[in-house]
């Protein structure tokens, strides 16, 4: 396997489980009213992390984000503040 380390930007979708390459989260931010995450990882890694997004003050959690999830960043996107949580999958 190629051990080349890369930094890629990925768009995060609110309301779904985002499955992205496992790695080190460098930044969560917004661009043009869309939420993004920058992850440093091994190129073509087969490993994945699950990212979920929750808004400030939202109490209707279908999944407890504090159960096996780590907070990796927050960002203002539009009029909302979004909080991103991660847990390893594979």
C-alpha atoms as a PDB file:
ATOM      1  CA  UNK A   1       0.000   0.000   0.000  1.00  0.00           C
ATOM      2  CA  UNK A   2       1.199   3.500  -0.855  1.00  0.00           C
ATOM      3  CA  UNK A   3       2.000   5.413   2.368  1.00  0.00           C
ATOM      4  CA  UNK A   4       1.736   8.844   0.742  1.00  0.00           C
ATOM      5  CA  UNK A   5       0.206  11.323   3.183  1.00  0.00           C
ATOM      6  CA  UNK A   6      -2.326  13.756   1.701  1.00  0.00           C
ATOM      7  CA  UNK A   7      -4.644  16.496   2.936  1.00  0.00           C
ATOM      8  CA  UNK A   8      -8.053  16.522   1.276  1.00  0.00           C
ATOM      9  CA  UNK A   9     -11.144  18.648   1.754  1.00  0.00           C
ATOM     10  CA  UNK A  10     -14.516  16.871   1.991  1.00  0.00           C
ATOM     11  CA  UNK A  11     -18.019  18.306   1.973  1.00  0.00           C
ATOM     12  CA  UNK A  12     -20.091  17.318   5.026  1.00  0.00           C
ATOM     13  CA  UNK A  13     -23.803  16.677   4.686  1.00  0.00           C
ATOM     14  CA  UNK A  14     -26.060  17.499   7.630  1.00  0.00           C
ATOM     15  CA  UNK A  15     -28.581  14.785   8.471  1.00  0.00           C
ATOM     16  CA  UNK A  16     -26.644  11.782   7.152  1.00  0.00           C
ATOM     17  CA  UNK A  17     -23.715   9.690   8.351  1.00  0.00           C
ATOM     18  CA  UNK A  18     -20.680  10.895   6.435  1.00  0.00           C
ATOM     19  CA  UNK A  19     -18.218   8.031   5.775  1.00  0.00           C
ATOM     20  CA  UNK A  20     -14.785   9.490   5.035  1.00  0.00           C
ATOM     21  CA  UNK A  21     -11.159   8.311   5.061  1.00  0.00           C
ATOM     22  CA  UNK A  22      -9.735   7.697   8.525  1.00  0.00           C
ATOM     23  CA  UNK A  23      -7.105  10.215   9.504  1.00  0.00           C
ATOM     24  CA  UNK A  24      -6.331  13.357  11.450  1.00  0.00           C
ATOM     25  CA  UNK A  25      -8.915  16.142  11.279  1.00  0.00           C
ATOM     26  CA  UNK A  26      -7.138  19.432  10.614  1.00  0.00           C
ATOM     27  CA  UNK A  27     -10.081  21.806  10.234  1.00  0.00           C
ATOM     28  CA  UNK A  28     -13.868  22.054  10.161  1.00  0.00           C
ATOM     29  CA  UNK A  29     -15.084  25.226   8.432  1.00  0.00           C
ATOM     30  CA  UNK A  30     -17.584  26.579   5.949  1.00  0.00           C
ATOM     31  CA  UNK A  31     -17.152  27.903   2.431  1.00  0.00           C
ATOM     32  CA  UNK A  32     -19.985  29.469   0.458  1.00  0.00           C
ATOM     33  CA  UNK A  33     -22.518  28.359   3.108  1.00  0.00           C
ATOM     34  CA  UNK A  34     -21.462  24.698   2.893  1.00  0.00           C
ATOM     35  CA  UNK A  35     -19.767  22.706   5.648  1.00  0.00           C
ATOM     36  CA  UNK A  36     -16.360  21.119   4.961  1.00  0.00           C
ATOM     37  CA  UNK A  37     -13.742  19.089   6.790  1.00  0.00           C
ATOM     38  CA  UNK A  38     -10.020  18.839   6.015  1.00  0.00           C
ATOM     39  CA  UNK A  39      -8.484  15.465   6.808  1.00  0.00           C
ATOM     40  CA  UNK A  40      -4.851  14.374   6.664  1.00  0.00           C
ATOM     41  CA  UNK A  41      -4.712  10.686   5.757  1.00  0.00           C
ATOM     42  CA  UNK A  42      -2.861   8.009   3.851  1.00  0.00           C
ATOM     43  CA  UNK A  43      -3.720   8.149   0.157  1.00  0.00           C
ATOM     44  CA  UNK A  44      -6.237   5.429  -0.790  1.00  0.00           C
ATOM     45  CA  UNK A  45      -6.602   4.222   2.789  1.00  0.00           C
ATOM     46  CA  UNK A  46      -9.202   1.453   3.154  1.00  0.00           C
ATOM     47  CA  UNK A  47     -10.044   2.680   6.661  1.00  0.00           C
ATOM     48  CA  UNK A  48     -13.098   4.849   7.275  1.00  0.00           C
ATOM     49  CA  UNK A  49     -14.428   7.091  10.011  1.00  0.00           C
ATOM     50  CA  UNK A  50     -18.059   8.059  10.501  1.00  0.00           C
ATOM     51  CA  UNK A  51     -18.813  11.760  10.937  1.00  0.00           C
ATOM     52  CA  UNK A  52     -22.108  13.086  12.240  1.00  0.00           C
ATOM     53  CA  UNK A  53     -23.175  16.721  12.481  1.00  0.00           C
ATOM     54  CA  UNK A  54     -25.391  18.258  15.142  1.00  0.00           C
ATOM     55  CA  UNK A  55     -26.569  21.840  15.488  1.00  0.00           C
ATOM     56  CA  UNK A  56     -26.408  23.982  18.604  1.00  0.00           C
ATOM     57  CA  UNK A  57     -29.589  23.638  20.654  1.00  0.00           C
ATOM     58  CA  UNK A  58     -30.977  20.713  18.685  1.00  0.00           C
ATOM     59  CA  UNK A  59     -32.299  18.174  21.173  1.00  0.00           C
ATOM     60  CA  UNK A  60     -33.830  15.650  18.758  1.00  0.00           C
ATOM     61  CA  UNK A  61     -30.832  13.332  18.550  1.00  0.00           C
ATOM     62  CA  UNK A  62     -31.433  10.036  16.797  1.00  0.00           C
ATOM     63  CA  UNK A  63     -27.928   9.045  17.906  1.00  0.00           C
ATOM     64  CA  UNK A  64     -26.197  10.045  21.139  1.00  0.00           C
ATOM     65  CA  UNK A  65     -23.100  11.871  19.831  1.00  0.00           C
ATOM     66  CA  UNK A  66     -21.309  11.431  23.139  1.00  0.00           C
ATOM     67  CA  UNK A  67     -21.465   7.627  22.974  1.00  0.00           C
ATOM     68  CA  UNK A  68     -18.255   6.483  21.218  1.00  0.00           C
ATOM     69  CA  UNK A  69     -17.938   9.736  19.250  1.00  0.00           C
ATOM     70  CA  UNK A  70     -15.257  12.413  19.646  1.00  0.00           C
ATOM     71  CA  UNK A  71     -15.885  16.079  18.930  1.00  0.00           C
ATOM     72  CA  UNK A  72     -13.506  17.089  16.120  1.00  0.00           C
ATOM     73  CA  UNK A  73     -14.637  20.623  15.377  1.00  0.00           C
ATOM     74  CA  UNK A  74     -17.376  23.213  15.065  1.00  0.00           C
ATOM     75  CA  UNK A  75     -18.117  25.842  12.447  1.00  0.00           C
ATOM     76  CA  UNK A  76     -20.600  28.572  11.648  1.00  0.00           C
ATOM     77  CA  UNK A  77     -22.335  27.814   8.377  1.00  0.00           C
ATOM     78  CA  UNK A  78     -25.125  30.141   7.311  1.00  0.00           C
ATOM     79  CA  UNK A  79     -27.031  31.120  10.432  1.00  0.00           C
ATOM     80  CA  UNK A  80     -26.194  27.905  12.320  1.00  0.00           C
ATOM     81  CA  UNK A  81     -23.286  26.606  14.387  1.00  0.00           C
ATOM     82  CA  UNK A  82     -22.614  22.954  13.535  1.00  0.00           C
ATOM     83  CA  UNK A  83     -20.665  20.503  15.691  1.00  0.00           C
ATOM     84  CA  UNK A  84     -18.902  17.553  14.054  1.00  0.00           C
ATOM     85  CA  UNK A  85     -18.346  14.229  15.842  1.00  0.00           C
ATOM     86  CA  UNK A  86     -16.300  11.257  14.665  1.00  0.00           C
ATOM     87  CA  UNK A  87     -15.893   7.566  15.434  1.00  0.00           C
ATOM     88  CA  UNK A  88     -13.757   4.922  13.697  1.00  0.00           C
ATOM     89  CA  UNK A  89     -15.637   2.339  11.630  1.00  0.00           C
ATOM     90  CA  UNK A  90     -13.047   0.044  10.030  1.00  0.00           C
END
